């Protein structure tokens, strides 16, 4: 029967199981924080749901080389890409940005509300100290609370952080992202980075709210006519004079106006203040808002941002955790850990008979779970190597390990189409195909006296076409020897 070629042999791996080149492309778009974040997420997932199927990931991590932390990270990133966790991270980050946008909008509206509450509609004189309390009272209380919590525990702002994480998960709407938020918290707490990230969030939101209040105040003062008074029953007027001038000392250094003692005393009367007094009080209130509201938040936000960026460079994995220490023997075999790394031999009889040590040379024929009813191997040209029959987990792992070090230029895999194309067999075919320059599946004819099931053969054709693997119904020996039919 003539050979039937479904697709070019160079397309070895289909969309169903992912492409290694696409995975490498995705990894290059990740930041160092993203890589460690995904590594922690994979560890938490394995702690809760058990160990993942990671033979190929371990093999690629060993092939990648590096220290234990680098290999653990490489393994985790491959698993994250395979299981969709990498894509879930992108959706979670998009949800986090949307949640942050909602908080920023809330801060802007809150700041505008503070300005309207402090100045009113202009129909009544503004009590300067009531207005000042409306604009800065809650901000100062929260600032003192943050400073106290930072000094004692370092995690103040956790409620706002939990709100942000909760909104992020709601906006992401991805079940695969369940371990991303806990993994981020665990990773940041290791270097106490959570205090700086939450501090940046808290101070940034308050800074935006106060800036919004300042802009709205300027608009109101520019378009409405306000009178300013102070009132008291039991305090001496000199108390207000001293307090007003004390609060105006720092704003005066920045050029804001401060009412003098006569203006302050006159504002305590029931008669409307003079026009000059209106302008002085307005400048004083703006200066107090800037100096005691915006500037402290701006300085603290800048400090948190600086500490966040500087501490991120030291962020690493805790290799003493059980989930990581258990991988040491798998990813760092004792020979590699001692520094023994033999050079690649000139030829590997089990894989290829080529003379050189190029990354992809020679041709290889292997059988997949063939029974003893048919003679094997067939007569092969001298340039084609027989890799035997894969009929056990050990033989599969041994061949995959060898192919990762010495990939052949052409690989033919003989399959018995009397068997159903189950998921495990298809996954193995794709994994073998990733280790060769070009791959072709040889669907064997039925032994004498037997016939192939047409439906089952059709299932094989459909599955191989979905994987993007070329297949032939006759022996591809000429293709193996010469690279063409």
Protein backbone atom coordinates (compact mmCIF):
# COMPACT_ATOMS: atom_id res chain seq x y z
CA UNK A 1 0.00 0.00 0.00
CA UNK A 2 1.50 3.39 -0.92
CA UNK A 3 2.59 5.68 1.83
CA UNK A 4 0.01 8.20 3.02
CA UNK A 5 1.48 11.41 4.36
CA UNK A 6 -0.91 13.57 6.37
CA UNK A 7 1.27 16.58 7.14
CA UNK A 8 4.91 17.64 6.83
CA UNK A 9 7.16 15.61 9.07
CA UNK A 10 8.72 18.70 10.60
CA UNK A 11 5.52 19.50 12.48
CA UNK A 12 6.15 17.07 15.25
CA UNK A 13 3.93 18.21 18.03
CA UNK A 14 0.27 19.22 17.91
CA UNK A 15 -1.71 21.84 19.70
CA UNK A 16 -3.27 19.34 22.12
CA UNK A 17 -0.07 18.75 24.03
CA UNK A 18 1.62 22.11 23.40
CA UNK A 19 4.83 23.06 21.69
CA UNK A 20 8.18 23.29 23.42
CA UNK A 21 9.14 26.26 21.24
CA UNK A 22 5.94 28.05 22.25
CA UNK A 23 6.72 27.28 25.87
CA UNK A 24 10.17 28.81 25.57
CA UNK A 25 8.57 31.83 23.92
CA UNK A 26 6.14 32.20 26.82
CA UNK A 27 8.86 31.89 29.45
CA UNK A 28 10.86 34.71 27.89
CA UNK A 29 7.93 37.06 28.53
CA UNK A 30 7.94 36.38 32.28
CA UNK A 31 9.66 38.56 34.84
CA UNK A 32 11.82 37.05 37.57
CA UNK A 33 8.99 37.64 40.03
CA UNK A 34 6.55 35.85 37.73
CA UNK A 35 8.85 32.82 37.47
CA UNK A 36 9.26 32.46 41.23
CA UNK A 37 5.54 33.14 41.67
CA UNK A 38 4.63 30.27 39.34
CA UNK A 39 7.18 28.03 41.04
CA UNK A 40 5.54 28.66 44.42
CA UNK A 41 2.10 28.08 42.91
CA UNK A 42 3.19 24.69 41.53
CA UNK A 43 4.61 23.75 44.94
CA UNK A 44 1.38 24.64 46.74
CA UNK A 45 -0.64 22.77 44.15
CA UNK A 46 1.44 19.63 44.66
CA UNK A 47 1.15 19.96 48.43
CA UNK A 48 -2.65 20.04 48.23
CA UNK A 49 -3.36 17.72 45.28
CA UNK A 50 -0.33 15.39 45.26
CA UNK A 51 2.66 15.09 42.96
CA UNK A 52 2.13 15.92 39.28
CA UNK A 53 3.18 13.81 36.32
CA UNK A 54 6.58 15.41 35.87
CA UNK A 55 8.92 12.97 34.15
CA UNK A 56 9.41 15.11 31.06
CA UNK A 57 9.63 18.27 33.17
CA UNK A 58 12.36 16.70 35.33
CA UNK A 59 14.21 15.51 32.27
CA UNK A 60 14.18 18.97 30.69
CA UNK A 61 15.24 20.57 33.96
CA UNK A 62 18.26 18.23 34.21
CA UNK A 63 19.11 18.95 30.60
CA UNK A 64 18.87 22.70 31.23
CA UNK A 65 21.52 22.49 33.95
CA UNK A 66 22.30 25.06 36.62
CA UNK A 67 21.95 24.89 40.38
CA UNK A 68 19.03 23.29 42.21
CA UNK A 69 16.99 26.51 42.37
CA UNK A 70 17.31 27.04 38.61
CA UNK A 71 16.27 23.45 37.87
CA UNK A 72 13.29 23.62 40.23
CA UNK A 73 12.19 26.84 38.55
CA UNK A 74 12.64 25.34 35.07
CA UNK A 75 10.61 22.29 36.04
CA UNK A 76 7.82 24.38 37.56
CA UNK A 77 7.58 26.69 34.54
CA UNK A 78 7.25 23.72 32.19
CA UNK A 79 4.50 22.23 34.35
CA UNK A 80 2.77 25.60 34.63
CA UNK A 81 2.73 25.98 30.86
CA UNK A 82 1.50 22.43 30.31
CA UNK A 83 -1.30 22.61 32.89
CA UNK A 84 -2.52 26.10 31.96
CA UNK A 85 -1.21 27.83 35.09
CA UNK A 86 0.89 30.21 32.99
CA UNK A 87 -2.20 31.40 31.13
CA UNK A 88 -4.11 31.60 34.43
CA UNK A 89 -1.41 33.93 35.75
CA UNK A 90 -2.02 36.28 32.83
CA UNK A 91 -5.75 36.30 33.53
CA UNK A 92 -5.17 36.80 37.26
CA UNK A 93 -2.88 39.77 36.60
CA UNK A 94 -5.48 41.25 34.27
CA UNK A 95 -8.05 40.86 37.05
CA UNK A 96 -5.62 42.44 39.52
CA UNK A 97 -5.20 45.44 37.25
CA UNK A 98 -8.95 45.76 36.93
CA UNK A 99 -9.35 45.54 40.72
CA UNK A 100 -6.67 48.19 41.18
CA UNK A 101 -8.46 50.41 38.68
CA UNK A 102 -11.66 50.05 40.72
CA UNK A 103 -9.82 51.02 43.92
CA UNK A 104 -8.25 54.02 42.17
CA UNK A 105 -11.66 55.17 40.98
CA UNK A 106 -13.00 54.78 44.51
CA UNK A 107 -10.10 56.87 45.83
CA UNK A 108 -10.81 59.67 43.34
CA UNK A 109 -14.49 59.77 44.24
CA UNK A 110 -13.70 59.64 47.96
CA UNK A 111 -11.29 62.58 47.65
CA UNK A 112 -13.90 64.61 45.80
CA UNK A 113 -16.40 63.75 48.53
CA UNK A 114 -13.99 64.99 51.20
CA UNK A 115 -13.64 68.33 49.42
CA UNK A 116 -17.39 68.81 49.08
CA UNK A 117 -17.91 67.79 52.72
CA UNK A 118 -15.24 70.23 53.91
CA UNK A 119 -16.30 73.32 51.93
CA UNK A 120 -20.01 72.78 51.47
CA UNK A 121 -22.13 74.58 48.90
CA UNK A 122 -21.03 78.12 49.79
CA UNK A 123 -24.39 79.11 51.28
CA UNK A 124 -22.96 79.12 54.81
CA UNK A 125 -19.55 80.20 56.09
CA UNK A 126 -16.98 77.45 56.33
CA UNK A 127 -15.83 76.51 59.82
CA UNK A 128 -12.11 76.23 59.07
CA UNK A 129 -11.28 73.63 61.71
CA UNK A 130 -14.31 71.48 60.93
CA UNK A 131 -13.33 71.61 57.28
CA UNK A 132 -9.75 70.73 58.17
CA UNK A 133 -10.95 67.80 60.24
CA UNK A 134 -13.07 66.54 57.33
CA UNK A 135 -10.15 66.77 54.91
CA UNK A 136 -7.31 65.42 57.05
CA UNK A 137 -8.82 63.78 60.13
CA UNK A 138 -9.38 60.30 58.71
CA UNK A 139 -6.14 60.46 56.74
CA UNK A 140 -4.09 61.27 59.85
CA UNK A 141 -5.78 58.54 61.89
CA UNK A 142 -5.09 55.95 59.19
CA UNK A 143 -1.52 57.19 58.84
CA UNK A 144 -0.89 56.79 62.57
CA UNK A 145 -2.53 53.38 62.48
CA UNK A 146 -0.28 52.32 59.59
CA UNK A 147 2.83 53.54 61.39
CA UNK A 148 1.86 51.68 64.58
CA UNK A 149 1.07 48.47 62.72
CA UNK A 150 4.27 48.73 60.67
CA UNK A 151 6.38 49.14 63.79
CA UNK A 152 4.72 46.27 65.66
CA UNK A 153 3.92 43.68 62.99
CA UNK A 154 4.87 45.06 59.62
CA UNK A 155 1.68 43.87 57.96
CA UNK A 156 -0.73 46.74 58.48
CA UNK A 157 -2.90 47.25 55.44
CA UNK A 158 -3.69 43.54 55.21
CA UNK A 159 -7.43 44.28 55.07
CA UNK A 160 -6.96 46.50 52.02
CA UNK A 161 -4.62 43.91 50.54
CA UNK A 162 -7.17 41.14 51.10
CA UNK A 163 -9.80 43.31 49.42
CA UNK A 164 -7.53 43.76 46.41
CA UNK A 165 -6.74 40.02 46.22
CA UNK A 166 -10.42 39.15 46.58
CA UNK A 167 -11.38 41.53 43.79
CA UNK A 168 -8.54 40.18 41.65
CA UNK A 169 -9.83 36.61 41.96
CA UNK A 170 -13.39 37.70 41.25
CA UNK A 171 -12.36 39.55 38.10
CA UNK A 172 -10.07 36.72 36.94
CA UNK A 173 -12.79 34.02 37.23
CA UNK A 174 -10.34 31.17 36.69
CA UNK A 175 -10.37 28.02 38.81
CA UNK A 176 -6.75 27.30 37.86
CA UNK A 177 -5.69 30.50 39.62
CA UNK A 178 -6.73 29.23 43.06
CA UNK A 179 -3.12 28.85 44.25
CA UNK A 180 -1.77 32.07 42.72
CA UNK A 181 -2.83 34.50 45.47
CA UNK A 182 -1.59 32.26 48.35
CA UNK A 183 1.64 31.64 46.45
CA UNK A 184 2.21 35.38 46.04
CA UNK A 185 1.67 36.00 49.76
CA UNK A 186 4.00 33.16 50.77
CA UNK A 187 6.66 34.39 48.37
CA UNK A 188 6.49 38.00 49.54
CA UNK A 189 6.36 37.19 53.25
CA UNK A 190 9.61 35.27 52.93
CA UNK A 191 11.53 38.52 52.36
CA UNK A 192 8.93 40.66 54.19
CA UNK A 193 8.13 42.29 50.90
CA UNK A 194 4.43 42.29 51.66
CA UNK A 195 4.82 45.31 53.98
CA UNK A 196 6.32 47.39 51.18
CA UNK A 197 3.84 46.28 48.54
CA UNK A 198 0.86 46.90 50.81
CA UNK A 199 2.39 50.19 51.95
CA UNK A 200 2.74 51.29 48.34
CA UNK A 201 -0.89 50.35 47.73
CA UNK A 202 -2.19 52.16 50.85
CA UNK A 203 -0.15 55.34 50.43
CA UNK A 204 -0.76 55.44 46.70
CA UNK A 205 -4.52 55.28 47.16
CA UNK A 206 -4.51 57.93 49.89
CA UNK A 207 -2.24 60.12 47.77
CA UNK A 208 -4.68 59.90 44.90
CA UNK A 209 -7.64 60.64 47.18
CA UNK A 210 -5.96 63.72 48.66
CA UNK A 211 -4.87 64.91 45.22
CA UNK A 212 -8.47 64.56 44.07
CA UNK A 213 -9.61 66.55 47.10
CA UNK A 214 -7.05 69.27 46.33
CA UNK A 215 -8.18 69.58 42.70
CA UNK A 216 -11.86 69.72 43.66
CA UNK A 217 -11.09 72.32 46.36
CA UNK A 218 -9.32 74.50 43.80
CA UNK A 219 -12.30 74.21 41.48
CA UNK A 220 -14.76 75.09 44.25
CA UNK A 221 -12.69 78.01 45.52
CA UNK A 222 -12.32 79.32 41.97
CA UNK A 223 -16.04 79.18 41.15
CA UNK A 224 -17.75 79.89 44.50
CA UNK A 225 -17.53 82.59 47.13
CA UNK A 226 -16.74 81.14 50.55
CA UNK A 227 -16.52 82.84 53.89
CA UNK A 228 -14.33 81.34 56.66
CA UNK A 229 -15.05 81.48 60.38
CA UNK A 230 -14.07 79.73 63.55
CA UNK A 231 -16.31 79.27 66.55
CA UNK A 232 -15.80 78.33 70.18
CA UNK A 233 -17.62 78.38 73.49
CA UNK A 234 -15.05 77.44 76.09
CA UNK A 235 -11.68 78.12 74.41
CA UNK A 236 -9.82 81.42 74.41
CA UNK A 237 -9.53 83.16 70.98
CA UNK A 238 -5.74 83.26 71.42
CA UNK A 239 -5.77 79.46 71.21
CA UNK A 240 -7.10 79.59 67.65
CA UNK A 241 -4.66 82.33 66.74
CA UNK A 242 -1.66 80.30 67.93
CA UNK A 243 -2.93 77.03 66.42
CA UNK A 244 -3.62 78.62 63.04
CA UNK A 245 -0.22 80.26 62.82
CA UNK A 246 1.55 77.09 63.99
CA UNK A 247 -0.14 74.99 61.32
CA UNK A 248 0.67 77.63 58.72
CA UNK A 249 4.42 77.75 59.45
CA UNK A 250 5.46 74.95 57.07
CA UNK A 251 3.00 75.88 54.30
CA UNK A 252 4.31 79.46 54.49
CA UNK A 253 7.78 78.15 53.59
CA UNK A 254 6.28 76.84 50.34
CA UNK A 255 4.63 80.15 49.52
CA UNK A 256 1.11 79.55 50.84
CA UNK A 257 -0.59 82.50 52.50
CA UNK A 258 -1.31 82.52 56.24
CA UNK A 259 -3.82 84.94 57.83
CA UNK A 260 -2.36 87.27 60.44
CA UNK A 261 -3.63 87.56 63.99
CA UNK A 262 -6.07 90.37 63.15
CA UNK A 263 -7.65 88.39 60.34
CA UNK A 264 -7.93 85.32 62.55
CA UNK A 265 -9.64 87.30 65.34
CA UNK A 266 -11.95 88.98 62.83
CA UNK A 267 -13.00 85.59 61.45
CA UNK A 268 -14.26 84.66 64.88
CA UNK A 269 -16.91 87.40 64.67
CA UNK A 270 -20.33 86.83 63.21
CA UNK A 271 -19.81 89.40 60.43
CA UNK A 272 -18.51 88.17 57.03
CA UNK A 273 -14.74 88.36 56.64
CA UNK A 274 -13.00 90.81 54.37
CA UNK A 275 -12.02 89.75 50.83
CA UNK A 276 -8.33 89.64 51.75
CA UNK A 277 -9.15 87.38 54.68
CA UNK A 278 -11.06 85.02 52.38
CA UNK A 279 -8.03 84.59 50.15
CA UNK A 280 -5.69 84.14 53.10
CA UNK A 281 -7.88 81.44 54.66
CA UNK A 282 -8.25 79.67 51.31
CA UNK A 283 -4.45 79.66 50.81
CA UNK A 284 -3.94 78.46 54.38
CA UNK A 285 -6.32 75.51 53.95
CA UNK A 286 -4.71 74.50 50.66
CA UNK A 287 -1.24 74.71 52.19
CA UNK A 288 -2.23 72.62 55.23
CA UNK A 289 -3.75 69.98 52.92
CA UNK A 290 -0.59 69.82 50.79
CA UNK A 291 1.95 69.84 53.64
CA UNK A 292 0.20 67.60 56.17
CA UNK A 293 -1.76 65.45 53.74
CA UNK A 294 -0.17 64.97 50.31
CA UNK A 295 3.54 65.34 51.11
CA UNK A 296 3.72 62.64 53.85
CA UNK A 297 1.84 60.18 51.65
CA UNK A 298 4.05 61.04 48.68
CA UNK A 299 7.25 60.51 50.67
CA UNK A 300 6.03 57.23 52.16
CA UNK A 301 4.82 55.93 48.79
CA UNK A 302 8.22 56.74 47.25
CA UNK A 303 9.98 55.00 50.17
CA UNK A 304 7.84 51.87 49.77
CA UNK A 305 8.42 51.84 46.02
CA UNK A 306 12.19 52.12 46.47
CA UNK A 307 12.30 49.35 49.08
CA UNK A 308 10.05 47.15 46.93
CA UNK A 309 12.32 47.43 43.89
CA UNK A 310 15.51 46.97 45.88
CA UNK A 311 14.23 43.94 47.82
CA UNK A 312 12.80 42.21 44.74
CA UNK A 313 16.33 41.52 43.50
CA UNK A 314 16.99 39.35 46.57
CA UNK A 315 13.79 37.36 46.23
CA UNK A 316 14.46 33.63 45.95
CA UNK A 317 13.13 30.17 46.71
CA UNK A 318 13.38 28.53 50.12
CA UNK A 319 15.03 25.25 49.15
CA UNK A 320 14.53 23.87 52.67
CA UNK A 321 10.78 23.53 52.14
CA UNK A 322 9.68 19.89 51.86
CA UNK A 323 8.24 20.41 48.40
CA UNK A 324 11.63 21.58 47.10
CA UNK A 325 13.99 19.40 49.10
CA UNK A 326 12.22 16.28 47.82
CA UNK A 327 13.24 17.25 44.28
CA UNK A 328 16.96 17.38 45.04
CA UNK A 329 17.69 13.73 44.23
CA UNK A 330 15.53 13.87 41.11
CA UNK A 331 16.87 17.09 39.63
CA UNK A 332 20.43 16.94 41.00
CA UNK A 333 21.71 13.36 40.69
CA UNK A 334 24.71 12.65 42.87
CA UNK A 335 27.08 12.53 39.90
CA UNK A 336 26.05 16.01 38.81
CA UNK A 337 26.02 17.33 42.35
CA UNK A 338 29.68 16.24 42.72
CA UNK A 339 30.52 18.00 39.50
CA UNK A 340 30.99 14.91 37.30
CA UNK A 341 29.73 15.65 33.82
CA UNK A 342 31.19 13.32 31.17
CA UNK A 343 31.39 14.61 27.60
CA UNK A 344 28.96 13.17 25.09
CA UNK A 345 30.33 10.00 23.44
CA UNK A 346 31.02 9.93 19.70
CA UNK A 347 28.20 7.45 19.12
CA UNK A 348 25.41 5.93 21.14
CA UNK A 349 24.61 2.43 19.81
CA UNK A 350 21.14 2.39 21.28
CA UNK A 351 20.18 5.59 19.51
CA UNK A 352 22.27 6.35 16.43
CA UNK A 353 25.30 5.14 14.58
CA UNK A 354 26.41 8.54 13.31
CA UNK A 355 30.03 9.49 13.79
CA UNK A 356 29.59 13.09 14.83
CA UNK A 357 28.22 14.65 17.97
CA UNK A 358 25.83 17.12 16.28
CA UNK A 359 22.56 17.86 18.13
CA UNK A 360 20.42 16.02 15.54
CA UNK A 361 21.98 13.33 13.36
CA UNK A 362 21.21 9.84 12.16
CA UNK A 363 17.98 7.89 11.93
CA UNK A 364 16.21 5.78 14.52
CA UNK A 365 13.45 3.18 14.40
CA UNK A 366 11.51 2.21 17.54
CA UNK A 367 8.44 0.06 18.13
CA UNK A 368 5.66 0.97 20.54
CA UNK A 369 4.09 -1.90 22.51
CA UNK A 370 4.40 -4.48 19.73
CA UNK A 371 3.51 -8.10 20.46
CA UNK A 372 5.56 -11.15 19.46
CA UNK A 373 3.29 -12.13 16.57
CA UNK A 374 5.39 -10.17 14.09
CA UNK A 375 9.16 -10.40 13.55
CA UNK A 376 11.06 -7.38 14.80
CA UNK A 377 13.08 -5.51 13.79
CA UNK A 378 12.76 -5.51 10.03
CA UNK A 379 15.85 -5.46 7.84
CA UNK A 380 17.33 -2.01 8.32
CA UNK A 381 19.90 -0.05 6.31
CA UNK A 382 23.25 0.37 7.99
CA UNK A 383 22.56 4.06 8.72
CA UNK A 384 19.33 3.33 10.63
CA UNK A 385 19.53 2.29 14.27
CA UNK A 386 17.04 0.01 15.98
CA UNK A 387 15.98 1.28 19.41
CA UNK A 388 13.96 -1.82 20.26
CA UNK A 389 10.40 -1.99 21.53
CA UNK A 390 8.99 0.29 24.22
CA UNK A 391 6.93 -2.02 26.39
CA UNK A 392 7.57 -0.74 29.93
CA UNK A 393 7.93 2.49 31.85
CA UNK A 394 11.66 1.87 32.29
CA UNK A 395 12.28 1.41 28.57
CA UNK A 396 10.33 4.58 27.77
CA UNK A 397 12.17 6.68 30.31
CA UNK A 398 15.53 5.30 29.24
CA UNK A 399 14.92 6.14 25.58
CA UNK A 400 13.55 9.60 26.36
CA UNK A 401 16.58 10.34 28.50
CA UNK A 402 18.90 9.32 25.66
CA UNK A 403 16.97 11.27 23.05
CA UNK A 404 17.18 14.41 25.17
CA UNK A 405 20.98 14.16 24.94
CA UNK A 406 21.36 12.74 21.43
CA UNK A 407 18.31 13.65 19.30
CA UNK A 408 18.13 11.91 15.91
CA UNK A 409 17.51 13.79 12.71
CA UNK A 410 14.78 11.31 11.69
CA UNK A 411 12.67 9.13 13.95
CA UNK A 412 10.18 6.46 12.86
CA UNK A 413 7.82 4.98 15.45
CA UNK A 414 6.08 1.72 14.57
CA UNK A 415 2.59 1.36 16.08
CA UNK A 416 0.08 -1.46 15.98
CA UNK A 417 -3.22 0.06 14.78
CA UNK A 418 -5.11 -2.88 16.22
CA UNK A 419 -4.70 -1.17 19.58
CA UNK A 420 -6.74 1.89 20.45
CA UNK A 421 -4.91 5.25 20.33
CA UNK A 422 -5.24 5.97 24.05
CA UNK A 423 -4.14 9.20 25.70
CA UNK A 424 -0.96 7.73 27.17
CA UNK A 425 0.26 6.42 23.82
CA UNK A 426 -0.46 9.72 22.07
CA UNK A 427 1.31 11.67 24.80
CA UNK A 428 4.36 9.41 24.43
CA UNK A 429 4.36 9.84 20.64
CA UNK A 430 4.32 13.63 21.01
CA UNK A 431 7.09 13.51 23.60
CA UNK A 432 9.25 11.32 21.39
CA UNK A 433 8.57 13.58 18.44
CA UNK A 434 9.79 16.62 20.36
CA UNK A 435 13.18 14.95 20.70
CA UNK A 436 13.78 14.44 16.96
CA UNK A 437 14.31 16.66 13.97
CA UNK A 438 11.51 14.98 12.02
CA UNK A 439 9.13 12.18 12.99
CA UNK A 440 6.95 9.73 11.08
CA UNK A 441 4.53 7.19 12.50
CA UNK A 442 4.52 3.75 10.85
CA UNK A 443 1.09 2.14 11.15
CA UNK A 444 1.86 -1.57 10.75
CA UNK A 445 -0.16 -3.93 8.61
CA UNK A 446 -2.12 -6.69 10.32
CA UNK A 447 -0.42 -10.11 10.64
CA UNK A 448 -1.38 -12.74 8.03
CA UNK A 449 -4.90 -14.02 8.50
CA UNK A 450 -6.05 -10.93 10.38
CA UNK A 451 -7.65 -7.67 9.30
CA UNK A 452 -7.52 -4.15 10.65
CA UNK A 453 -10.60 -2.53 12.09
CA UNK A 454 -11.47 0.35 9.75
CA UNK A 455 -12.99 2.46 12.54
CA UNK A 456 -9.99 1.99 14.80
CA UNK A 457 -7.62 2.80 11.95
CA UNK A 458 -9.64 5.94 11.32
CA UNK A 459 -9.25 6.86 14.99
CA UNK A 460 -5.48 6.56 14.59
CA UNK A 461 -5.50 8.78 11.50
CA UNK A 462 -7.65 11.39 13.21
CA UNK A 463 -5.56 11.42 16.39
CA UNK A 464 -2.26 11.69 14.51
CA UNK A 465 -3.59 14.48 12.32
CA UNK A 466 -4.71 16.39 15.40
CA UNK A 467 -1.21 16.03 16.83
CA UNK A 468 0.34 17.15 13.56
CA UNK A 469 2.32 13.91 13.18
CA UNK A 470 3.01 12.47 9.72
CA UNK A 471 2.09 8.81 9.28
CA UNK A 472 2.59 6.11 6.68
CA UNK A 473 1.03 2.70 6.10
CA UNK A 474 4.24 1.21 4.70
CA UNK A 475 7.74 0.97 6.10
CA UNK A 476 9.43 4.39 5.89
CA UNK A 477 12.88 2.85 5.52
CA UNK A 478 13.88 4.92 2.48
CA UNK A 479 12.86 8.09 4.35
CA UNK A 480 14.90 7.00 7.36
CA UNK A 481 17.98 6.30 5.25
CA UNK A 482 17.92 9.24 2.85
CA UNK A 483 15.49 11.78 4.36
CA UNK A 484 13.01 11.55 1.48
CA UNK A 485 10.71 8.98 -0.13
